Amino acid sequence: MSIESNILQVLERIDTAQSHYNTKSAVSLEIAAKTQTADKCQIAAETLLKYGHPPILGHNHVQEARETHDAIRTVPGTQIHFIGSLQSNKISTALQCTDLVESVASLSLIEKLER
């Protein structure tokens, strides 16, 4: 299956669940881009945007976020989230190539992020 067809399948499941529960609350699909190439990440972001969803991609390794950053940023409005376990020695790099850190394991890491 293609990236687009996979995303469409998930969006359809979201619509089905919303219909089943009679809700239209805002739901954003965040693509976990683990071990994917920059080209595939860009296609995923473009597909989300094409179907009216905010292009949000999550990486669980700082190196992967950095490697795909430039390609993903070509898609207007794309957000890159860090969804993995962040090591304190990678904070600076993570903050350079992501918009949001979703997972923080300790108060000391929060304090380092704040600085």
N, C-alpha and C. Protein backbone atom coordinates (compact mmCIF):
# COMPACT_ATOMS: atom_id res chain seq x y z
N MET A 1 0.84 -1.20 0.00
CA MET A 1 0.00 0.00 0.00
C MET A 1 0.88 1.25 0.00
N SER A 2 0.34 2.28 -0.60
CA SER A 2 1.08 3.53 -0.65
C SER A 2 0.89 4.32 0.65
N ILE A 3 1.75 5.29 0.84
CA ILE A 3 1.64 6.15 2.02
C ILE A 3 0.28 6.83 2.02
N GLU A 4 -0.11 7.36 0.86
CA GLU A 4 -1.40 8.06 0.78
C GLU A 4 -2.56 7.14 1.12
N SER A 5 -2.57 5.93 0.59
CA SER A 5 -3.68 5.02 0.88
C SER A 5 -3.71 4.62 2.35
N ASN A 6 -2.55 4.46 2.95
CA ASN A 6 -2.50 4.14 4.39
C ASN A 6 -3.07 5.29 5.22
N ILE A 7 -2.69 6.50 4.88
CA ILE A 7 -3.20 7.66 5.61
C ILE A 7 -4.71 7.79 5.41
N LEU A 8 -5.17 7.61 4.19
CA LEU A 8 -6.61 7.69 3.92
C LEU A 8 -7.38 6.63 4.71
N GLN A 9 -6.81 5.46 4.84
CA GLN A 9 -7.46 4.39 5.61
C GLN A 9 -7.59 4.80 7.08
N VAL A 10 -6.56 5.39 7.64
CA VAL A 10 -6.62 5.83 9.04
C VAL A 10 -7.61 6.98 9.19
N LEU A 11 -7.60 7.93 8.28
CA LEU A 11 -8.56 9.04 8.35
C LEU A 11 -9.99 8.54 8.25
N GLU A 12 -10.20 7.52 7.44
CA GLU A 12 -11.53 6.91 7.32
C GLU A 12 -11.95 6.26 8.64
N ARG A 13 -11.02 5.60 9.30
CA ARG A 13 -11.31 4.99 10.59
C ARG A 13 -11.65 6.05 11.64
N ILE A 14 -10.95 7.18 11.58
CA ILE A 14 -11.25 8.28 12.50
C ILE A 14 -12.67 8.79 12.25
N ASP A 15 -13.01 9.00 10.97
CA ASP A 15 -14.37 9.47 10.62
C ASP A 15 -15.43 8.47 11.09
N THR A 16 -15.15 7.18 10.90
CA THR A 16 -16.10 6.14 11.31
C THR A 16 -16.31 6.17 12.83
N ALA A 17 -15.22 6.31 13.56
CA ALA A 17 -15.32 6.36 15.03
C ALA A 17 -16.09 7.61 15.47
N GLN A 18 -15.83 8.73 14.82
CA GLN A 18 -16.55 9.95 15.18
C GLN A 18 -18.04 9.81 14.89
N SER A 19 -18.38 9.18 13.77
CA SER A 19 -19.79 8.96 13.45
C SER A 19 -20.43 8.02 14.45
N HIS A 20 -19.72 6.96 14.79
CA HIS A 20 -20.24 5.97 15.74
C HIS A 20 -20.53 6.60 17.09
N TYR A 21 -19.66 7.49 17.54
CA TYR A 21 -19.83 8.14 18.84
C TYR A 21 -20.52 9.49 18.73
N ASN A 22 -21.00 9.81 17.51
CA ASN A 22 -21.75 11.04 17.28
C ASN A 22 -21.01 12.27 17.79
N THR A 23 -19.75 12.37 17.40
CA THR A 23 -18.95 13.53 17.79
C THR A 23 -18.17 14.05 16.59
N LYS A 24 -17.95 15.31 16.57
CA LYS A 24 -17.12 15.92 15.53
C LYS A 24 -16.01 16.73 16.19
N SER A 25 -15.56 16.27 17.36
CA SER A 25 -14.47 16.96 18.03
C SER A 25 -13.22 16.89 17.16
N ALA A 26 -12.39 17.89 17.30
CA ALA A 26 -11.18 17.97 16.48
C ALA A 26 -10.22 16.83 16.81
N VAL A 27 -9.80 16.14 15.78
CA VAL A 27 -8.83 15.07 15.93
C VAL A 27 -7.71 15.33 14.95
N SER A 28 -6.49 15.34 15.44
CA SER A 28 -5.33 15.50 14.58
C SER A 28 -4.59 14.18 14.50
N LEU A 29 -4.23 13.80 13.30
CA LEU A 29 -3.47 12.59 13.08
C LEU A 29 -2.00 12.96 13.06
N GLU A 30 -1.25 12.37 13.95
CA GLU A 30 0.20 12.59 13.97
C GLU A 30 0.87 11.32 13.44
N ILE A 31 1.64 11.49 12.40
CA ILE A 31 2.33 10.36 11.78
C ILE A 31 3.62 10.08 12.55
N ALA A 32 3.75 8.87 13.07
CA ALA A 32 5.01 8.45 13.71
C ALA A 32 5.95 8.03 12.58
N ALA A 33 6.98 8.80 12.37
CA ALA A 33 7.85 8.64 11.20
C ALA A 33 9.10 7.82 11.50
N LYS A 34 8.99 6.89 12.39
CA LYS A 34 10.14 6.09 12.81
C LYS A 34 10.80 5.38 11.62
N THR A 35 12.08 5.60 11.47
CA THR A 35 12.96 4.98 10.45
C THR A 35 12.54 5.25 9.02
N GLN A 36 11.79 6.32 8.77
CA GLN A 36 11.37 6.63 7.41
C GLN A 36 12.32 7.64 6.77
N THR A 37 12.41 7.58 5.46
CA THR A 37 13.28 8.50 4.73
C THR A 37 12.66 9.89 4.69
N ALA A 38 13.48 10.86 4.34
CA ALA A 38 13.01 12.23 4.21
C ALA A 38 11.92 12.32 3.14
N ASP A 39 12.10 11.61 2.05
CA ASP A 39 11.10 11.63 0.97
C ASP A 39 9.75 11.10 1.43
N LYS A 40 9.77 9.99 2.17
CA LYS A 40 8.52 9.41 2.66
C LYS A 40 7.85 10.33 3.68
N CYS A 41 8.65 10.97 4.51
CA CYS A 41 8.09 11.92 5.49
C CYS A 41 7.45 13.10 4.78
N GLN A 42 8.10 13.57 3.73
CA GLN A 42 7.55 14.68 2.96
C GLN A 42 6.22 14.28 2.31
N ILE A 43 6.16 13.09 1.75
CA ILE A 43 4.91 12.60 1.14
C ILE A 43 3.80 12.51 2.18
N ALA A 44 4.13 12.02 3.36
CA ALA A 44 3.13 11.91 4.43
C ALA A 44 2.60 13.29 4.81
N ALA A 45 3.49 14.25 4.97
CA ALA A 45 3.07 15.62 5.32
C ALA A 45 2.22 16.22 4.21
N GLU A 46 2.63 16.02 2.95
CA GLU A 46 1.85 16.54 1.82
C GLU A 46 0.46 15.91 1.77
N THR A 47 0.38 14.62 2.07
CA THR A 47 -0.90 13.91 2.04
C THR A 47 -1.84 14.45 3.11
N LEU A 48 -1.33 14.63 4.32
CA LEU A 48 -2.17 15.19 5.38
C LEU A 48 -2.71 16.56 4.98
N LEU A 49 -1.84 17.39 4.45
CA LEU A 49 -2.24 18.73 4.04
C LEU A 49 -3.27 18.66 2.90
N LYS A 50 -3.04 17.78 1.95
CA LYS A 50 -3.95 17.60 0.80
C LYS A 50 -5.37 17.28 1.24
N TYR A 51 -5.50 16.52 2.33
CA TYR A 51 -6.82 16.11 2.80
C TYR A 51 -7.33 16.97 3.97
N GLY A 52 -6.73 18.15 4.12
CA GLY A 52 -7.24 19.12 5.07
C GLY A 52 -6.87 18.88 6.53
N HIS A 53 -5.82 18.13 6.76
CA HIS A 53 -5.37 17.86 8.13
C HIS A 53 -4.03 18.53 8.37
N PRO A 54 -3.79 18.98 9.59
CA PRO A 54 -2.49 19.59 9.87
C PRO A 54 -1.38 18.56 9.72
N PRO A 55 -0.35 18.90 8.97
CA PRO A 55 0.76 17.95 8.79
C PRO A 55 1.64 17.91 10.03
N ILE A 56 1.49 16.86 10.82
CA ILE A 56 2.26 16.67 12.05
C ILE A 56 2.98 15.33 11.94
N LEU A 57 4.29 15.37 12.07
CA LEU A 57 5.10 14.16 12.04
C LEU A 57 5.87 14.05 13.34
N GLY A 58 5.88 12.87 13.91
CA GLY A 58 6.59 12.63 15.16
C GLY A 58 7.79 11.73 14.94
N HIS A 59 8.89 12.11 15.53
CA HIS A 59 10.11 11.30 15.47
C HIS A 59 10.49 10.87 16.88
N ASN A 60 11.02 9.67 17.00
CA ASN A 60 11.45 9.23 18.32
C ASN A 60 12.97 9.18 18.44
N HIS A 61 13.67 9.60 17.40
CA HIS A 61 15.13 9.73 17.47
C HIS A 61 15.50 11.11 16.94
N VAL A 62 16.32 11.83 17.68
CA VAL A 62 16.73 13.18 17.29
C VAL A 62 17.43 13.15 15.93
N GLN A 63 18.28 12.17 15.71
CA GLN A 63 19.01 12.07 14.44
C GLN A 63 18.05 11.97 13.26
N GLU A 64 17.01 11.19 13.39
CA GLU A 64 16.03 11.06 12.30
C GLU A 64 15.28 12.37 12.08
N ALA A 65 14.94 13.05 13.14
CA ALA A 65 14.27 14.35 13.01
C ALA A 65 15.17 15.33 12.26
N ARG A 66 16.44 15.32 12.59
CA ARG A 66 17.39 16.22 11.94
C ARG A 66 17.55 15.86 10.46
N GLU A 67 17.60 14.57 10.16
CA GLU A 67 17.81 14.13 8.77
C GLU A 67 16.61 14.40 7.87
N THR A 68 15.42 14.44 8.42
CA THR A 68 14.22 14.65 7.60
C THR A 68 13.70 16.08 7.66
N HIS A 69 14.27 16.88 8.54
CA HIS A 69 13.81 18.24 8.80
C HIS A 69 13.62 19.07 7.54
N ASP A 70 14.65 19.17 6.70
CA ASP A 70 14.58 20.05 5.53
C ASP A 70 13.49 19.63 4.56
N ALA A 71 13.34 18.34 4.32
CA ALA A 71 12.31 17.85 3.39
C ALA A 71 10.92 18.11 3.94
N ILE A 72 10.74 17.86 5.23
CA ILE A 72 9.42 18.04 5.84
C ILE A 72 9.03 19.51 5.83
N ARG A 73 9.98 20.38 6.06
CA ARG A 73 9.69 21.82 6.14
C ARG A 73 9.28 22.42 4.80
N THR A 74 9.42 21.69 3.70
CA THR A 74 8.96 22.21 2.41
C THR A 74 7.43 22.21 2.33
N VAL A 75 6.78 21.47 3.22
CA VAL A 75 5.32 21.41 3.25
C VAL A 75 4.82 22.49 4.20
N PRO A 76 4.02 23.44 3.70
CA PRO A 76 3.57 24.56 4.54
C PRO A 76 2.85 24.10 5.81
N GLY A 77 3.21 24.71 6.92
CA GLY A 77 2.52 24.46 8.18
C GLY A 77 2.90 23.18 8.90
N THR A 78 3.88 22.46 8.38
CA THR A 78 4.24 21.19 8.99
C THR A 78 4.85 21.41 10.38
N GLN A 79 4.46 20.53 11.29
CA GLN A 79 5.05 20.51 12.63
C GLN A 79 5.82 19.21 12.80
N ILE A 80 6.96 19.30 13.44
CA ILE A 80 7.75 18.12 13.75
C ILE A 80 7.77 18.00 15.27
N HIS A 81 7.29 16.86 15.77
CA HIS A 81 7.25 16.62 17.21
C HIS A 81 8.27 15.55 17.57
N PHE A 82 8.82 15.68 18.75
CA PHE A 82 9.70 14.63 19.26
C PHE A 82 8.87 13.77 20.20
N ILE A 83 8.78 12.47 19.89
CA ILE A 83 7.89 11.58 20.64
C ILE A 83 8.65 10.48 21.37
N GLY A 84 9.95 10.54 21.35
CA GLY A 84 10.74 9.49 21.99
C GLY A 84 11.27 9.91 23.34
N SER A 85 12.19 9.12 23.83
CA SER A 85 12.84 9.41 25.10
C SER A 85 14.05 10.30 24.83
N LEU A 86 13.96 11.53 25.25
CA LEU A 86 15.00 12.51 24.95
C LEU A 86 16.13 12.44 25.96
N GLN A 87 17.34 12.34 25.44
CA GLN A 87 18.53 12.35 26.29
C GLN A 87 18.99 13.79 26.45
N SER A 88 19.46 14.14 27.63
CA SER A 88 19.82 15.53 27.90
C SER A 88 20.93 16.04 26.98
N ASN A 89 21.81 15.17 26.52
CA ASN A 89 22.89 15.63 25.63
C ASN A 89 22.39 15.91 24.21
N LYS A 90 21.13 15.61 23.92
CA LYS A 90 20.57 15.85 22.58
C LYS A 90 19.52 16.96 22.58
N ILE A 91 19.37 17.64 23.69
CA ILE A 91 18.34 18.68 23.80
C ILE A 91 18.56 19.78 22.77
N SER A 92 19.76 20.27 22.66
CA SER A 92 20.04 21.37 21.73
C SER A 92 19.67 21.00 20.31
N THR A 93 20.06 19.84 19.87
CA THR A 93 19.74 19.39 18.52
C THR A 93 18.23 19.21 18.35
N ALA A 94 17.59 18.63 19.34
CA ALA A 94 16.15 18.42 19.27
C ALA A 94 15.41 19.75 19.13
N LEU A 95 15.84 20.74 19.87
CA LEU A 95 15.17 22.04 19.82
C LEU A 95 15.41 22.76 18.50
N GLN A 96 16.48 22.41 17.81
CA GLN A 96 16.77 23.02 16.51
C GLN A 96 15.91 22.44 15.39
N CYS A 97 15.47 21.20 15.54
CA CYS A 97 14.78 20.55 14.41
C CYS A 97 13.36 20.09 14.73
N THR A 98 12.85 20.40 15.90
CA THR A 98 11.47 20.02 16.23
C THR A 98 10.71 21.23 16.78
N ASP A 99 9.40 21.11 16.76
CA ASP A 99 8.54 22.18 17.27
C ASP A 99 8.03 21.91 18.67
N LEU A 100 8.04 20.63 19.05
CA LEU A 100 7.43 20.24 20.31
C LEU A 100 8.05 18.96 20.81
N VAL A 101 8.34 18.91 22.10
CA VAL A 101 8.80 17.69 22.74
C VAL A 101 7.61 17.15 23.53
N GLU A 102 7.12 15.99 23.14
CA GLU A 102 5.91 15.44 23.75
C GLU A 102 6.19 14.58 24.98
N SER A 103 7.36 14.05 25.08
CA SER A 103 7.64 13.12 26.18
C SER A 103 8.84 13.61 26.98
N VAL A 104 8.60 13.82 28.26
CA VAL A 104 9.66 14.27 29.15
C VAL A 104 9.66 13.36 30.37
N ALA A 105 10.81 12.77 30.65
CA ALA A 105 10.88 11.73 31.67
C ALA A 105 11.22 12.23 33.07
N SER A 106 11.68 13.48 33.19
CA SER A 106 12.08 13.92 34.52
C SER A 106 12.00 15.43 34.65
N LEU A 107 11.93 15.88 35.87
CA LEU A 107 11.92 17.31 36.15
C LEU A 107 13.24 17.96 35.70
N SER A 108 14.35 17.27 35.89
CA SER A 108 15.63 17.85 35.48
C SER A 108 15.69 18.05 33.96
N LEU A 109 15.06 17.16 33.22
CA LEU A 109 15.01 17.33 31.77
C LEU A 109 14.15 18.54 31.39
N ILE A 110 13.07 18.74 32.10
CA ILE A 110 12.22 19.93 31.87
C ILE A 110 13.02 21.20 32.13
N GLU A 111 13.77 21.20 33.20
CA GLU A 111 14.58 22.38 33.54
C GLU A 111 15.64 22.62 32.47
N LYS A 112 16.24 21.58 31.94
CA LYS A 112 17.24 21.73 30.87
C LYS A 112 16.58 22.23 29.59
N LEU A 113 15.39 21.75 29.28
CA LEU A 113 14.66 22.22 28.11
C LEU A 113 14.32 23.70 28.24
N GLU A 114 13.95 24.10 29.44
CA GLU A 114 13.59 25.49 29.69
C GLU A 114 14.76 26.43 29.45
N ARG A 115 15.94 25.99 29.85
CA ARG A 115 17.14 26.83 29.65
C ARG A 115 17.43 26.94 28.19
